[in-house]
């Protein structure tokens, strides 16, 4: 039963990732594109966690933690750039 749930989740997160890539390409404004990038990293993080469950190993979870930290820093930097026009004060 877990195999079917994982396959279903892989399919839905993969579809969501493709839709976010479409939003990244077609986004009319810069905030739309930044939000699409943020959602892409969250979806790829979820796919990595599902892959860790599928292969039953902890290495994927450590990589997911690293991606989550870098994605948060990137989102904060992009938001500061949009608000102020400069990242470092």
PDB file of N, CA and C in Angstrom:
ATOM      1  N   UNK A   1       0.820  -1.195   0.000  1.00  0.00           N
ATOM      2  CA  UNK A   1       0.000   0.000   0.000  1.00  0.00           C
ATOM      3  C   UNK A   1       0.866   1.262   0.000  1.00  0.00           C
ATOM      4  N   UNK A   2       1.997   1.223   0.702  1.00  0.00           N
ATOM      5  CA  UNK A   2       2.881   2.376   0.741  1.00  0.00           C
ATOM      6  C   UNK A   2       3.477   2.659  -0.636  1.00  0.00           C
ATOM      7  N   UNK A   3       3.695   1.619  -1.410  1.00  0.00           N
ATOM      8  CA  UNK A   3       4.264   1.791  -2.755  1.00  0.00           C
ATOM      9  C   UNK A   3       3.320   2.604  -3.626  1.00  0.00           C
ATOM     10  N   UNK A   4       2.021   2.316  -3.562  1.00  0.00           N
ATOM     11  CA  UNK A   4       1.042   3.051  -4.359  1.00  0.00           C
ATOM     12  C   UNK A   4       0.927   4.495  -3.905  1.00  0.00           C
ATOM     13  N   UNK A   5       0.979   4.723  -2.617  1.00  0.00           N
ATOM     14  CA  UNK A   5       0.907   6.087  -2.096  1.00  0.00           C
ATOM     15  C   UNK A   5       2.132   6.887  -2.520  1.00  0.00           C
ATOM     16  N   UNK A   6       3.305   6.255  -2.489  1.00  0.00           N
ATOM     17  CA  UNK A   6       4.524   6.950  -2.924  1.00  0.00           C
ATOM     18  C   UNK A   6       4.491   7.265  -4.414  1.00  0.00           C
ATOM     19  N   UNK A   7       4.012   6.327  -5.214  1.00  0.00           N
ATOM     20  CA  UNK A   7       3.917   6.571  -6.653  1.00  0.00           C
ATOM     21  C   UNK A   7       2.929   7.690  -6.953  1.00  0.00           C
ATOM     22  N   UNK A   8       1.817   7.718  -6.235  1.00  0.00           N
ATOM     23  CA  UNK A   8       0.822   8.783  -6.413  1.00  0.00           C
ATOM     24  C   UNK A   8       1.418  10.132  -6.015  1.00  0.00           C
ATOM     25  N   UNK A   9       2.144  10.165  -4.901  1.00  0.00           N
ATOM     26  CA  UNK A   9       2.764  11.408  -4.443  1.00  0.00           C
ATOM     27  C   UNK A   9       3.852  11.869  -5.415  1.00  0.00           C
ATOM     28  N   UNK A  10       4.648  10.927  -5.940  1.00  0.00           N
ATOM     29  CA  UNK A  10       5.658  11.283  -6.944  1.00  0.00           C
ATOM     30  C   UNK A  10       4.992  11.935  -8.160  1.00  0.00           C
ATOM     31  N   UNK A  11       3.900  11.360  -8.614  1.00  0.00           N
ATOM     32  CA  UNK A  11       3.192  11.908  -9.767  1.00  0.00           C
ATOM     33  C   UNK A  11       2.644  13.304  -9.520  1.00  0.00           C
ATOM     34  N   UNK A  12       2.039  13.506  -8.347  1.00  0.00           N
ATOM     35  CA  UNK A  12       1.460  14.819  -8.054  1.00  0.00           C
ATOM     36  C   UNK A  12       2.531  15.889  -7.854  1.00  0.00           C
ATOM     37  N   UNK A  13       3.603  15.547  -7.153  1.00  0.00           N
ATOM     38  CA  UNK A  13       4.665  16.535  -6.966  1.00  0.00           C
ATOM     39  C   UNK A  13       5.402  16.811  -8.269  1.00  0.00           C
ATOM     40  N   UNK A  14       5.542  15.807  -9.120  1.00  0.00           N
ATOM     41  CA  UNK A  14       6.142  16.024 -10.436  1.00  0.00           C
ATOM     42  C   UNK A  14       5.293  16.942 -11.299  1.00  0.00           C
ATOM     43  N   UNK A  15       3.981  16.740 -11.275  1.00  0.00           N
ATOM     44  CA  UNK A  15       3.064  17.609 -12.009  1.00  0.00           C
ATOM     45  C   UNK A  15       3.112  19.030 -11.465  1.00  0.00           C
ATOM     46  N   UNK A  16       3.160  19.154 -10.158  1.00  0.00           N
ATOM     47  CA  UNK A  16       3.257  20.471  -9.544  1.00  0.00           C
ATOM     48  C   UNK A  16       4.558  21.165  -9.924  1.00  0.00           C
ATOM     49  N   UNK A  17       5.637  20.411  -9.997  1.00  0.00           N
ATOM     50  CA  UNK A  17       6.926  20.973 -10.394  1.00  0.00           C
ATOM     51  C   UNK A  17       6.871  21.489 -11.831  1.00  0.00           C
ATOM     52  N   UNK A  18       6.242  20.745 -12.713  1.00  0.00           N
ATOM     53  CA  UNK A  18       6.108  21.193 -14.102  1.00  0.00           C
ATOM     54  C   UNK A  18       5.248  22.450 -14.212  1.00  0.00           C
ATOM     55  N   UNK A  19       4.194  22.525 -13.427  1.00  0.00           N
ATOM     56  CA  UNK A  19       3.348  23.718 -13.439  1.00  0.00           C
ATOM     57  C   UNK A  19       4.094  24.935 -12.897  1.00  0.00           C
ATOM     58  N   UNK A  20       4.953  24.725 -11.905  1.00  0.00           N
ATOM     59  CA  UNK A  20       5.743  25.841 -11.381  1.00  0.00           C
ATOM     60  C   UNK A  20       6.793  26.302 -12.378  1.00  0.00           C
ATOM     61  N   UNK A  21       7.364  25.379 -13.118  1.00  0.00           N
ATOM     62  CA  UNK A  21       8.324  25.767 -14.158  1.00  0.00           C
ATOM     63  C   UNK A  21       7.623  26.586 -15.241  1.00  0.00           C
ATOM     64  N   UNK A  22       6.398  26.227 -15.559  1.00  0.00           N
ATOM     65  CA  UNK A  22       5.616  27.007 -16.510  1.00  0.00           C
ATOM     66  C   UNK A  22       5.357  28.410 -15.979  1.00  0.00           C
ATOM     67  N   UNK A  23       5.049  28.538 -14.694  1.00  0.00           N
ATOM     68  CA  UNK A  23       4.834  29.852 -14.090  1.00  0.00           C
ATOM     69  C   UNK A  23       6.127  30.655 -14.074  1.00  0.00           C
ATOM     70  N   UNK A  24       7.245  29.977 -13.880  1.00  0.00           N
ATOM     71  CA  UNK A  24       8.536  30.659 -13.888  1.00  0.00           C
ATOM     72  C   UNK A  24       8.829  31.243 -15.268  1.00  0.00           C
ATOM     73  N   UNK A  25       8.485  30.513 -16.307  1.00  0.00           N
ATOM     74  CA  UNK A  25       8.750  30.981 -17.669  1.00  0.00           C
ATOM     75  C   UNK A  25       7.758  32.064 -18.077  1.00  0.00           C
ATOM     76  N   UNK A  26       6.487  31.890 -17.764  1.00  0.00           N
ATOM     77  CA  UNK A  26       5.438  32.790 -18.228  1.00  0.00           C
ATOM     78  C   UNK A  26       5.088  33.899 -17.250  1.00  0.00           C
ATOM     79  N   UNK A  27       5.676  33.881 -16.051  1.00  0.00           N
ATOM     80  CA  UNK A  27       5.309  34.859 -15.028  1.00  0.00           C
ATOM     81  C   UNK A  27       5.426  36.288 -15.529  1.00  0.00           C
ATOM     82  N   UNK A  28       4.365  37.070 -15.433  1.00  0.00           N
ATOM     83  CA  UNK A  28       4.434  38.414 -16.011  1.00  0.00           C
ATOM     84  C   UNK A  28       5.318  39.374 -15.211  1.00  0.00           C
ATOM     85  N   UNK A  29       5.474  39.151 -13.923  1.00  0.00           N
ATOM     86  CA  UNK A  29       6.238  40.078 -13.092  1.00  0.00           C
ATOM     87  C   UNK A  29       7.312  39.327 -12.312  1.00  0.00           C
ATOM     88  N   UNK A  30       8.265  40.073 -11.784  1.00  0.00           N
ATOM     89  CA  UNK A  30       9.356  39.481 -11.035  1.00  0.00           C
ATOM     90  C   UNK A  30       8.897  38.785  -9.748  1.00  0.00           C
ATOM     91  N   UNK A  31       7.951  39.347  -8.975  1.00  0.00           N
ATOM     92  CA  UNK A  31       7.495  38.614  -7.780  1.00  0.00           C
ATOM     93  C   UNK A  31       6.856  37.262  -8.103  1.00  0.00           C
ATOM     94  N   UNK A  32       6.181  37.156  -9.240  1.00  0.00           N
ATOM     95  CA  UNK A  32       5.616  35.873  -9.664  1.00  0.00           C
ATOM     96  C   UNK A  32       6.721  34.854  -9.917  1.00  0.00           C
ATOM     97  N   UNK A  33       7.796  35.297 -10.539  1.00  0.00           N
ATOM     98  CA  UNK A  33       8.899  34.393 -10.827  1.00  0.00           C
ATOM     99  C   UNK A  33       9.634  33.972  -9.559  1.00  0.00           C
ATOM    100  N   UNK A  34       9.791  34.901  -8.626  1.00  0.00           N
ATOM    101  CA  UNK A  34      10.447  34.554  -7.362  1.00  0.00           C
ATOM    102  C   UNK A  34       9.591  33.577  -6.572  1.00  0.00           C
ATOM    103  N   UNK A  35       8.294  33.777  -6.559  1.00  0.00           N
ATOM    104  CA  UNK A  35       7.397  32.844  -5.885  1.00  0.00           C
ATOM    105  C   UNK A  35       7.424  31.470  -6.552  1.00  0.00           C
ATOM    106  N   UNK A  36       7.523  31.442  -7.878  1.00  0.00           N
ATOM    107  CA  UNK A  36       7.634  30.169  -8.589  1.00  0.00           C
ATOM    108  C   UNK A  36       8.940  29.453  -8.237  1.00  0.00           C
ATOM    109  N   UNK A  37      10.036  30.194  -8.131  1.00  0.00           N
ATOM    110  CA  UNK A  37      11.301  29.578  -7.725  1.00  0.00           C
ATOM    111  C   UNK A  37      11.226  29.024  -6.306  1.00  0.00           C
ATOM    112  N   UNK A  38      10.576  29.764  -5.420  1.00  0.00           N
ATOM    113  CA  UNK A  38      10.420  29.307  -4.044  1.00  0.00           C
ATOM    114  C   UNK A  38       9.594  28.021  -3.996  1.00  0.00           C
ATOM    115  N   UNK A  39       8.549  27.967  -4.768  1.00  0.00           N
ATOM    116  CA  UNK A  39       7.707  26.778  -4.793  1.00  0.00           C
ATOM    117  C   UNK A  39       8.410  25.609  -5.477  1.00  0.00           C
ATOM    118  N   UNK A  40       9.252  25.899  -6.456  1.00  0.00           N
ATOM    119  CA  UNK A  40      10.025  24.839  -7.114  1.00  0.00           C
ATOM    120  C   UNK A  40      10.966  24.184  -6.121  1.00  0.00           C
ATOM    121  N   UNK A  41      11.634  24.987  -5.307  1.00  0.00           N
ATOM    122  CA  UNK A  41      12.552  24.352  -4.357  1.00  0.00           C
ATOM    123  C   UNK A  41      11.787  23.584  -3.294  1.00  0.00           C
ATOM    124  N   UNK A  42      10.609  24.025  -2.912  1.00  0.00           N
ATOM    125  CA  UNK A  42       9.811  23.274  -1.938  1.00  0.00           C
ATOM    126  C   UNK A  42       9.334  21.952  -2.540  1.00  0.00           C
ATOM    127  N   UNK A  43       8.910  21.975  -3.798  1.00  0.00           N
ATOM    128  CA  UNK A  43       8.472  20.740  -4.450  1.00  0.00           C
ATOM    129  C   UNK A  43       9.633  19.774  -4.674  1.00  0.00           C
ATOM    130  N   UNK A  44      10.795  20.303  -5.040  1.00  0.00           N
ATOM    131  CA  UNK A  44      11.944  19.418  -5.205  1.00  0.00           C
ATOM    132  C   UNK A  44      12.385  18.846  -3.860  1.00  0.00           C
ATOM    133  N   UNK A  45      12.211  19.613  -2.809  1.00  0.00           N
ATOM    134  CA  UNK A  45      12.493  19.117  -1.464  1.00  0.00           C
ATOM    135  C   UNK A  45      11.552  17.975  -1.107  1.00  0.00           C
ATOM    136  N   UNK A  46      10.289  18.122  -1.429  1.00  0.00           N
ATOM    137  CA  UNK A  46       9.323  17.051  -1.163  1.00  0.00           C
ATOM    138  C   UNK A  46       9.642  15.806  -1.989  1.00  0.00           C
ATOM    139  N   UNK A  47      10.040  15.992  -3.242  1.00  0.00           N
ATOM    140  CA  UNK A  47      10.424  14.846  -4.068  1.00  0.00           C
ATOM    141  C   UNK A  47      11.651  14.146  -3.509  1.00  0.00           C
ATOM    142  N   UNK A  48      12.593  14.907  -2.971  1.00  0.00           N
ATOM    143  CA  UNK A  48      13.777  14.317  -2.381  1.00  0.00           C
ATOM    144  C   UNK A  48      13.427  13.528  -1.121  1.00  0.00           C
ATOM    145  N   UNK A  49      12.502  14.042  -0.325  1.00  0.00           N
ATOM    146  CA  UNK A  49      12.059  13.311   0.860  1.00  0.00           C
ATOM    147  C   UNK A  49      11.328  12.025   0.482  1.00  0.00           C
ATOM    148  N   UNK A  50      10.506  12.093  -0.554  1.00  0.00           N
ATOM    149  CA  UNK A  50       9.828  10.886  -1.024  1.00  0.00           C
ATOM    150  C   UNK A  50      10.828   9.854  -1.545  1.00  0.00           C
ATOM    151  N   UNK A  51      11.877  10.324  -2.201  1.00  0.00           N
ATOM    152  CA  UNK A  51      12.915   9.417  -2.680  1.00  0.00           C
ATOM    153  C   UNK A  51      13.649   8.766  -1.512  1.00  0.00           C
ATOM    154  N   UNK A  52      13.847   9.523  -0.432  1.00  0.00           N
ATOM    155  CA  UNK A  52      14.464   8.954   0.760  1.00  0.00           C
ATOM    156  C   UNK A  52      13.603   7.880   1.403  1.00  0.00           C
ATOM    157  N   UNK A  53      12.285   8.094   1.397  1.00  0.00           N
ATOM    158  CA  UNK A  53      11.377   7.069   1.915  1.00  0.00           C
ATOM    159  C   UNK A  53      11.399   5.847   1.007  1.00  0.00           C
ATOM    160  N   UNK A  54      11.418   6.074  -0.295  1.00  0.00           N
ATOM    161  CA  UNK A  54      11.408   4.983  -1.274  1.00  0.00           C
ATOM    162  C   UNK A  54      12.643   4.091  -1.132  1.00  0.00           C
ATOM    163  N   UNK A  55      13.832   4.724  -0.985  1.00  0.00           N
ATOM    164  CA  UNK A  55      15.074   3.950  -0.894  1.00  0.00           C
ATOM    165  C   UNK A  55      15.446   3.580   0.539  1.00  0.00           C
ATOM    166  N   UNK A  56      14.703   4.085   1.502  1.00  0.00           N
ATOM    167  CA  UNK A  56      14.904   3.771   2.914  1.00  0.00           C
ATOM    168  C   UNK A  56      16.332   4.089   3.366  1.00  0.00           C
ATOM    169  N   UNK A  57      16.777   5.325   3.094  1.00  0.00           N
ATOM    170  CA  UNK A  57      18.105   5.771   3.497  1.00  0.00           C
ATOM    171  C   UNK A  57      18.027   7.187   4.061  1.00  0.00           C
ATOM    172  N   UNK A  58      18.941   7.528   4.942  1.00  0.00           N
ATOM    173  CA  UNK A  58      18.926   8.830   5.594  1.00  0.00           C
ATOM    174  C   UNK A  58      19.695   9.897   4.812  1.00  0.00           C
ATOM    175  N   UNK A  59      20.462   9.513   3.807  1.00  0.00           N
ATOM    176  CA  UNK A  59      21.275  10.479   3.063  1.00  0.00           C
ATOM    177  C   UNK A  59      20.397  11.505   2.353  1.00  0.00           C
ATOM    178  N   UNK A  60      19.262  11.090   1.856  1.00  0.00           N
ATOM    179  CA  UNK A  60      18.368  12.009   1.163  1.00  0.00           C
ATOM    180  C   UNK A  60      17.780  13.041   2.127  1.00  0.00           C
ATOM    181  N   UNK A  61      17.556  12.653   3.359  1.00  0.00           N
ATOM    182  CA  UNK A  61      16.986  13.577   4.333  1.00  0.00           C
ATOM    183  C   UNK A  61      17.999  14.657   4.717  1.00  0.00           C
ATOM    184  N   UNK A  62      19.274  14.293   4.793  1.00  0.00           N
ATOM    185  CA  UNK A  62      20.305  15.286   5.076  1.00  0.00           C
ATOM    186  C   UNK A  62      20.454  16.263   3.916  1.00  0.00           C
ATOM    187  N   UNK A  63      20.375  15.756   2.697  1.00  0.00           N
ATOM    188  CA  UNK A  63      20.430  16.635   1.526  1.00  0.00           C
ATOM    189  C   UNK A  63      19.210  17.552   1.486  1.00  0.00           C
ATOM    190  N   UNK A  64      18.050  17.044   1.889  1.00  0.00           N
ATOM    191  CA  UNK A  64      16.842  17.866   1.919  1.00  0.00           C
ATOM    192  C   UNK A  64      16.963  18.988   2.945  1.00  0.00           C
ATOM    193  N   UNK A  65      17.582  18.716   4.071  1.00  0.00           N
ATOM    194  CA  UNK A  65      17.786  19.745   5.080  1.00  0.00           C
ATOM    195  C   UNK A  65      18.698  20.842   4.552  1.00  0.00           C
ATOM    196  N   UNK A  66      19.742  20.469   3.846  1.00  0.00           N
ATOM    197  CA  UNK A  66      20.653  21.441   3.261  1.00  0.00           C
ATOM    198  C   UNK A  66      19.950  22.287   2.204  1.00  0.00           C
ATOM    199  N   UNK A  67      19.141  21.668   1.373  1.00  0.00           N
ATOM    200  CA  UNK A  67      18.395  22.402   0.352  1.00  0.00           C
ATOM    201  C   UNK A  67      17.399  23.350   0.999  1.00  0.00           C
ATOM    202  N   UNK A  68      16.764  22.935   2.082  1.00  0.00           N
ATOM    203  CA  UNK A  68      15.800  23.794   2.772  1.00  0.00           C
ATOM    204  C   UNK A  68      16.483  25.039   3.332  1.00  0.00           C
ATOM    205  N   UNK A  69      17.648  24.871   3.919  1.00  0.00           N
ATOM    206  CA  UNK A  69      18.359  26.040   4.460  1.00  0.00           C
ATOM    207  C   UNK A  69      18.794  26.994   3.353  1.00  0.00           C
ATOM    208  N   UNK A  70      19.337  26.462   2.274  1.00  0.00           N
ATOM    209  CA  UNK A  70      19.765  27.317   1.171  1.00  0.00           C
ATOM    210  C   UNK A  70      18.583  27.983   0.466  1.00  0.00           C
ATOM    211  N   UNK A  71      17.485  27.277   0.361  1.00  0.00           N
ATOM    212  CA  UNK A  71      16.295  27.856  -0.252  1.00  0.00           C
ATOM    213  C   UNK A  71      15.723  28.989   0.570  1.00  0.00           C
ATOM    214  N   UNK A  72      15.742  28.848   1.893  1.00  0.00           N
ATOM    215  CA  UNK A  72      15.253  29.924   2.761  1.00  0.00           C
ATOM    216  C   UNK A  72      16.126  31.161   2.630  1.00  0.00           C
ATOM    217  N   UNK A  73      17.430  30.966   2.611  1.00  0.00           N
ATOM    218  CA  UNK A  73      18.348  32.103   2.468  1.00  0.00           C
ATOM    219  C   UNK A  73      18.151  32.785   1.113  1.00  0.00           C
ATOM    220  N   UNK A  74      17.952  31.998   0.079  1.00  0.00           N
ATOM    221  CA  UNK A  74      17.713  32.568  -1.244  1.00  0.00           C
ATOM    222  C   UNK A  74      16.417  33.353  -1.322  1.00  0.00           C
ATOM    223  N   UNK A  75      15.378  32.860  -0.663  1.00  0.00           N
ATOM    224  CA  UNK A  75      14.101  33.570  -0.658  1.00  0.00           C
ATOM    225  C   UNK A  75      14.208  34.885   0.091  1.00  0.00           C
ATOM    226  N   UNK A  76      14.898  34.885   1.223  1.00  0.00           N
ATOM    227  CA  UNK A  76      15.088  36.120   1.987  1.00  0.00           C
ATOM    228  C   UNK A  76      15.906  37.124   1.183  1.00  0.00           C
ATOM    229  N   UNK A  77      16.944  36.666   0.508  1.00  0.00           N
ATOM    230  CA  UNK A  77      17.768  37.565  -0.306  1.00  0.00           C
ATOM    231  C   UNK A  77      16.963  38.152  -1.464  1.00  0.00           C
ATOM    232  N   UNK A  78      16.135  37.344  -2.102  1.00  0.00           N
ATOM    233  CA  UNK A  78      15.312  37.848  -3.210  1.00  0.00           C
ATOM    234  C   UNK A  78      14.278  38.849  -2.715  1.00  0.00           C
ATOM    235  N   UNK A  79      13.697  38.602  -1.542  1.00  0.00           N
ATOM    236  CA  UNK A  79      12.719  39.542  -0.990  1.00  0.00           C
ATOM    237  C   UNK A  79      13.383  40.869  -0.623  1.00  0.00           C
ATOM    238  N   UNK A  80      14.585  40.809  -0.040  1.00  0.00           N
ATOM    239  CA  UNK A  80      15.301  42.043   0.273  1.00  0.00           C
ATOM    240  C   UNK A  80      15.641  42.808  -0.996  1.00  0.00           C
ATOM    241  N   UNK A  81      16.003  42.090  -2.045  1.00  0.00           N
ATOM    242  CA  UNK A  81      16.324  42.749  -3.296  1.00  0.00           C
ATOM    243  C   UNK A  81      15.098  43.434  -3.893  1.00  0.00           C
ATOM    244  N   UNK A  82      13.939  42.793  -3.796  1.00  0.00           N
ATOM    245  CA  UNK A  82      12.725  43.407  -4.328  1.00  0.00           C
ATOM    246  C   UNK A  82      12.322  44.637  -3.530  1.00  0.00           C
ATOM    247  N   UNK A  83      12.484  44.582  -2.211  1.00  0.00           N
ATOM    248  CA  UNK A  83      12.056  45.709  -1.382  1.00  0.00           C
ATOM    249  C   UNK A  83      13.014  46.892  -1.458  1.00  0.00           C
ATOM    250  N   UNK A  84      14.317  46.625  -1.423  1.00  0.00           N
ATOM    251  CA  UNK A  84      15.285  47.698  -1.301  1.00  0.00           C
ATOM    252  C   UNK A  84      16.115  47.939  -2.558  1.00  0.00           C
ATOM    253  N   UNK A  85      16.192  46.962  -3.414  1.00  0.00           N
ATOM    254  CA  UNK A  85      17.033  47.089  -4.591  1.00  0.00           C
ATOM    255  C   UNK A  85      18.494  46.754  -4.320  1.00  0.00           C
ATOM    256  N   UNK A  86      18.787  46.357  -3.069  1.00  0.00           N
ATOM    257  CA  UNK A  86      20.143  46.006  -2.674  1.00  0.00           C
ATOM    258  C   UNK A  86      20.059  44.909  -1.638  1.00  0.00           C
ATOM    259  N   UNK A  87      20.946  43.937  -1.713  1.00  0.00           N
ATOM    260  CA  UNK A  87      20.899  42.824  -0.783  1.00  0.00           C
ATOM    261  C   UNK A  87      21.697  43.139   0.479  1.00  0.00           C
ATOM    262  N   UNK A  88      22.891  43.677   0.303  1.00  0.00           N
ATOM    263  CA  UNK A  88      23.754  43.993   1.441  1.00  0.00           C
ATOM    264  C   UNK A  88      23.691  45.491   1.687  1.00  0.00           C
ATOM    265  N   UNK A  89      23.433  45.848   2.921  1.00  0.00           N
ATOM    266  CA  UNK A  89      23.307  47.276   3.253  1.00  0.00           C
ATOM    267  C   UNK A  89      24.654  47.921   3.443  1.00  0.00           C
TER     268      UNK A  89
END
